[in-house]
N, C-alpha and C. Protein backbone atom coordinates (compact mmCIF):
# COMPACT_ATOMS: atom_id res chain seq x y z
N MET A 1 103.58 -73.92 105.13
CA MET A 1 103.61 -75.35 105.35
C MET A 1 105.02 -75.85 105.03
N ASP A 2 105.63 -76.55 105.95
CA ASP A 2 106.98 -77.03 105.69
C ASP A 2 106.95 -78.31 104.84
N ASN A 3 108.13 -78.70 104.37
CA ASN A 3 108.23 -79.83 103.45
C ASN A 3 107.78 -81.15 104.05
N LYS A 4 108.05 -81.36 105.33
CA LYS A 4 107.66 -82.62 105.96
C LYS A 4 106.14 -82.78 105.98
N ASN A 5 105.43 -81.72 106.33
CA ASN A 5 103.97 -81.77 106.32
C ASN A 5 103.42 -81.93 104.91
N LEU A 6 104.08 -81.31 103.94
CA LEU A 6 103.65 -81.43 102.55
C LEU A 6 103.79 -82.87 102.06
N ILE A 7 104.92 -83.50 102.38
CA ILE A 7 105.15 -84.89 101.97
C ILE A 7 104.18 -85.82 102.68
N GLU A 8 103.98 -85.62 103.97
CA GLU A 8 103.05 -86.45 104.73
C GLU A 8 101.62 -86.30 104.23
N SER A 9 101.22 -85.08 103.91
CA SER A 9 99.85 -84.88 103.42
C SER A 9 99.66 -85.50 102.03
N PHE A 10 100.69 -85.41 101.16
CA PHE A 10 100.59 -86.05 99.85
C PHE A 10 100.50 -87.56 100.00
N TYR A 11 101.35 -88.13 100.86
CA TYR A 11 101.33 -89.57 101.07
C TYR A 11 99.99 -90.02 101.64
N SER A 12 99.47 -89.28 102.59
CA SER A 12 98.18 -89.61 103.18
C SER A 12 97.07 -89.54 102.14
N TRP A 13 97.07 -88.49 101.32
CA TRP A 13 96.07 -88.38 100.27
C TRP A 13 96.18 -89.53 99.27
N TYR A 14 97.40 -89.85 98.85
CA TYR A 14 97.62 -90.91 97.87
C TYR A 14 97.16 -92.25 98.42
N ARG A 15 97.51 -92.53 99.65
CA ARG A 15 97.13 -93.81 100.27
C ARG A 15 95.62 -93.92 100.43
N ASN A 16 94.97 -92.85 100.90
CA ASN A 16 93.52 -92.87 101.06
C ASN A 16 92.80 -92.96 99.71
N ALA A 17 93.35 -92.31 98.70
CA ALA A 17 92.74 -92.39 97.37
C ALA A 17 92.83 -93.80 96.81
N LEU A 18 93.95 -94.47 97.05
CA LEU A 18 94.09 -95.85 96.58
C LEU A 18 93.17 -96.79 97.33
N ARG A 19 92.91 -96.51 98.57
CA ARG A 19 92.04 -97.39 99.37
C ARG A 19 90.56 -97.15 99.09
N HIS A 20 90.22 -96.05 98.47
CA HIS A 20 88.83 -95.76 98.13
C HIS A 20 88.48 -96.51 96.85
N PRO A 21 87.49 -97.41 96.89
CA PRO A 21 87.19 -98.24 95.72
C PRO A 21 86.79 -97.45 94.48
N LYS A 22 86.17 -96.29 94.69
CA LYS A 22 85.71 -95.50 93.54
C LYS A 22 86.89 -94.92 92.76
N TRP A 23 87.96 -94.53 93.45
CA TRP A 23 89.08 -93.85 92.81
C TRP A 23 90.31 -94.72 92.60
N ARG A 24 90.30 -95.96 93.09
CA ARG A 24 91.48 -96.82 93.07
C ARG A 24 92.08 -96.97 91.68
N TRP A 25 91.28 -97.37 90.72
CA TRP A 25 91.83 -97.62 89.37
C TRP A 25 92.22 -96.33 88.67
N ALA A 26 91.53 -95.24 88.96
CA ALA A 26 91.92 -93.96 88.36
C ALA A 26 93.29 -93.53 88.87
N ILE A 27 93.56 -93.71 90.15
CA ILE A 27 94.85 -93.34 90.72
C ILE A 27 95.95 -94.27 90.19
N ILE A 28 95.69 -95.56 90.13
CA ILE A 28 96.70 -96.51 89.63
C ILE A 28 97.02 -96.22 88.17
N LEU A 29 96.01 -96.06 87.33
CA LEU A 29 96.25 -95.78 85.92
C LEU A 29 96.86 -94.40 85.71
N GLY A 30 96.44 -93.42 86.49
CA GLY A 30 97.04 -92.09 86.39
C GLY A 30 98.51 -92.09 86.77
N THR A 31 98.86 -92.83 87.81
CA THR A 31 100.26 -92.94 88.22
C THR A 31 101.08 -93.65 87.15
N ALA A 32 100.54 -94.74 86.61
CA ALA A 32 101.26 -95.46 85.55
C ALA A 32 101.44 -94.57 84.32
N PHE A 33 100.41 -93.81 83.96
CA PHE A 33 100.53 -92.90 82.82
C PHE A 33 101.57 -91.82 83.09
N TYR A 34 101.59 -91.29 84.31
CA TYR A 34 102.58 -90.27 84.66
C TYR A 34 104.00 -90.81 84.55
N LEU A 35 104.19 -92.07 84.97
CA LEU A 35 105.52 -92.66 84.94
C LEU A 35 106.03 -92.87 83.52
N VAL A 36 105.15 -93.14 82.56
CA VAL A 36 105.60 -93.38 81.18
C VAL A 36 105.49 -92.13 80.30
N SER A 37 104.82 -91.10 80.76
CA SER A 37 104.65 -89.90 79.93
C SER A 37 105.92 -89.04 79.97
N PRO A 38 106.16 -88.31 78.90
CA PRO A 38 107.34 -87.43 78.87
C PRO A 38 107.15 -86.15 79.68
N ILE A 39 105.93 -85.85 80.10
CA ILE A 39 105.65 -84.64 80.88
C ILE A 39 105.78 -84.98 82.37
N ASP A 40 106.70 -84.31 83.04
CA ASP A 40 106.96 -84.57 84.45
C ASP A 40 107.01 -83.25 85.22
N ILE A 41 106.95 -83.38 86.55
CA ILE A 41 107.16 -82.22 87.40
C ILE A 41 108.60 -81.74 87.24
N SER A 42 109.53 -82.69 87.29
CA SER A 42 110.93 -82.37 87.01
C SER A 42 111.36 -83.25 85.83
N PRO A 43 111.83 -82.65 84.73
CA PRO A 43 112.15 -83.41 83.52
C PRO A 43 113.22 -84.48 83.75
N ASP A 44 113.07 -85.60 83.05
CA ASP A 44 113.98 -86.73 83.24
C ASP A 44 115.36 -86.50 82.67
N PHE A 45 115.55 -85.52 81.79
CA PHE A 45 116.88 -85.29 81.24
C PHE A 45 117.83 -84.62 82.24
N ILE A 46 117.30 -84.14 83.37
CA ILE A 46 118.14 -83.62 84.44
C ILE A 46 118.54 -84.82 85.30
N PRO A 47 119.83 -85.16 85.33
CA PRO A 47 120.26 -86.36 86.08
C PRO A 47 119.85 -86.30 87.55
N PHE A 48 119.44 -87.41 88.07
CA PHE A 48 119.05 -87.65 89.45
C PHE A 48 117.80 -86.87 89.88
N ILE A 49 117.77 -85.59 89.69
CA ILE A 49 116.59 -84.80 90.10
C ILE A 49 115.39 -85.19 89.24
N GLY A 50 115.62 -85.40 87.96
CA GLY A 50 114.53 -85.78 87.06
C GLY A 50 113.99 -87.16 87.35
N TRP A 51 114.85 -88.02 87.84
CA TRP A 51 114.41 -89.39 88.13
C TRP A 51 113.83 -89.52 89.53
N LEU A 52 114.06 -88.54 90.37
CA LEU A 52 113.62 -88.61 91.76
C LEU A 52 112.10 -88.67 91.89
N ASP A 53 111.38 -87.82 91.17
CA ASP A 53 109.91 -87.84 91.28
C ASP A 53 109.34 -89.14 90.74
N ASP A 54 109.92 -89.65 89.65
CA ASP A 54 109.44 -90.93 89.11
C ASP A 54 109.72 -92.08 90.08
N GLY A 55 110.90 -92.07 90.68
CA GLY A 55 111.25 -93.12 91.64
C GLY A 55 110.37 -93.11 92.87
N LEU A 56 110.11 -91.92 93.38
CA LEU A 56 109.25 -91.81 94.57
C LEU A 56 107.83 -92.25 94.26
N LEU A 57 107.31 -91.84 93.12
CA LEU A 57 105.95 -92.21 92.75
C LEU A 57 105.83 -93.71 92.47
N ALA A 58 106.85 -94.27 91.81
CA ALA A 58 106.84 -95.72 91.55
C ALA A 58 106.91 -96.50 92.86
N THR A 59 107.71 -96.02 93.81
CA THR A 59 107.80 -96.67 95.11
C THR A 59 106.47 -96.62 95.84
N LEU A 60 105.82 -95.45 95.83
CA LEU A 60 104.50 -95.33 96.46
C LEU A 60 103.50 -96.29 95.82
N LEU A 61 103.50 -96.33 94.49
CA LEU A 61 102.55 -97.18 93.78
C LEU A 61 102.76 -98.65 94.12
N VAL A 62 104.00 -99.12 94.04
CA VAL A 62 104.28 -100.53 94.31
C VAL A 62 103.98 -100.88 95.76
N THR A 63 104.35 -100.01 96.68
CA THR A 63 104.10 -100.26 98.10
C THR A 63 102.61 -100.37 98.40
N GLU A 64 101.84 -99.42 97.91
CA GLU A 64 100.42 -99.40 98.22
C GLU A 64 99.64 -100.51 97.50
N VAL A 65 99.99 -100.79 96.25
CA VAL A 65 99.30 -101.86 95.53
C VAL A 65 99.63 -103.21 96.15
N SER A 66 100.89 -103.42 96.55
CA SER A 66 101.23 -104.69 97.20
C SER A 66 100.54 -104.80 98.56
N SER A 67 100.41 -103.68 99.27
CA SER A 67 99.69 -103.69 100.54
C SER A 67 98.22 -104.04 100.33
N LEU A 68 97.61 -103.47 99.30
CA LEU A 68 96.22 -103.79 98.98
C LEU A 68 96.06 -105.27 98.62
N MET A 69 97.00 -105.79 97.84
CA MET A 69 96.92 -107.20 97.45
C MET A 69 97.09 -108.12 98.65
N MET A 70 98.03 -107.79 99.54
CA MET A 70 98.23 -108.62 100.72
C MET A 70 97.01 -108.60 101.63
N SER A 71 96.40 -107.44 101.82
CA SER A 71 95.21 -107.38 102.66
C SER A 71 94.04 -108.10 101.99
N TYR A 72 93.95 -108.02 100.66
CA TYR A 72 92.89 -108.73 99.95
C TYR A 72 93.08 -110.24 100.09
N LEU A 73 94.31 -110.70 99.90
CA LEU A 73 94.56 -112.14 99.98
C LEU A 73 94.40 -112.67 101.40
N SER A 74 94.83 -111.91 102.41
CA SER A 74 94.67 -112.38 103.78
C SER A 74 93.19 -112.36 104.19
N GLY A 75 92.44 -111.39 103.73
CA GLY A 75 91.00 -111.35 104.01
C GLY A 75 90.26 -112.47 103.32
N ARG A 76 90.73 -112.83 102.16
CA ARG A 76 90.11 -113.91 101.40
C ARG A 76 90.33 -115.25 102.08
N LYS A 77 91.51 -115.45 102.67
CA LYS A 77 91.79 -116.70 103.36
C LYS A 77 90.91 -116.84 104.60
N GLU A 78 90.65 -115.71 105.28
CA GLU A 78 89.82 -115.75 106.48
C GLU A 78 88.36 -116.02 106.14
N ASP A 79 87.92 -115.65 104.93
CA ASP A 79 86.53 -115.83 104.55
C ASP A 79 86.21 -117.25 104.08
N THR A 80 87.23 -118.05 103.80
CA THR A 80 86.97 -119.40 103.31
C THR A 80 86.44 -120.27 104.44
N VAL A 81 85.62 -121.22 104.09
CA VAL A 81 85.00 -122.12 105.05
C VAL A 81 85.44 -123.54 104.71
N ASP A 82 85.66 -124.35 105.74
CA ASP A 82 85.99 -125.75 105.49
C ASP A 82 84.84 -126.43 104.75
N SER A 83 85.17 -127.49 104.03
CA SER A 83 84.14 -128.16 103.23
C SER A 83 83.12 -128.87 104.12
N ALA A 84 83.48 -129.17 105.35
CA ALA A 84 82.52 -129.80 106.25
C ALA A 84 82.50 -129.02 107.56
N SER A 85 81.33 -128.56 107.96
CA SER A 85 81.18 -127.86 109.23
C SER A 85 80.35 -128.72 110.15
N VAL A 86 80.71 -128.71 111.42
CA VAL A 86 80.01 -129.54 112.40
C VAL A 86 79.22 -128.61 113.32
N THR A 87 77.93 -128.91 113.51
CA THR A 87 77.11 -128.13 114.43
C THR A 87 77.33 -128.61 115.85
N GLU A 88 76.67 -127.95 116.81
CA GLU A 88 76.84 -128.31 118.21
C GLU A 88 76.36 -129.71 118.53
N ASP A 89 75.32 -130.17 117.84
CA ASP A 89 74.80 -131.51 118.14
C ASP A 89 75.53 -132.59 117.36
N GLY A 90 76.59 -132.25 116.62
CA GLY A 90 77.39 -133.26 115.93
C GLY A 90 76.98 -133.50 114.49
N THR A 91 75.97 -132.80 113.99
CA THR A 91 75.54 -132.97 112.61
C THR A 91 76.54 -132.30 111.69
N VAL A 92 76.94 -133.02 110.63
CA VAL A 92 77.88 -132.47 109.68
C VAL A 92 77.12 -131.79 108.55
N ILE A 93 77.49 -130.55 108.26
CA ILE A 93 76.88 -129.80 107.17
C ILE A 93 77.93 -129.62 106.08
N ASP A 94 77.67 -130.15 104.91
CA ASP A 94 78.60 -130.03 103.80
C ASP A 94 78.37 -128.68 103.12
N VAL A 95 79.44 -127.90 103.03
CA VAL A 95 79.34 -126.56 102.48
C VAL A 95 80.22 -126.46 101.26
N GLU A 96 79.67 -125.94 100.17
CA GLU A 96 80.44 -125.74 98.95
C GLU A 96 80.69 -124.24 98.79
N VAL A 97 81.97 -123.86 98.74
CA VAL A 97 82.35 -122.47 98.63
C VAL A 97 82.82 -122.19 97.22
N SER A 98 82.24 -121.15 96.62
CA SER A 98 82.68 -120.83 95.25
C SER A 98 83.43 -119.54 95.23
């Protein structure tokens, strides 16, 4: 398996895991723990190479969490209903949305 396929498969797995409601918080907390823990795939005391895995993982986390938040907020705006709905015969129905 070449590097491009490996990176694409990891990104696909990470994105799908974040989108799965059962695993979302485990992946987010696991990523945050990995970023602050001293145990890394490549140690941070090696300049640039050590920071590369942390930077890539932080970028993935921020990108996917912001994407989830944007889709949640846009979906929430579409679900809201006006306070007054009018039926076909002109009757006004007052709706309270909580």
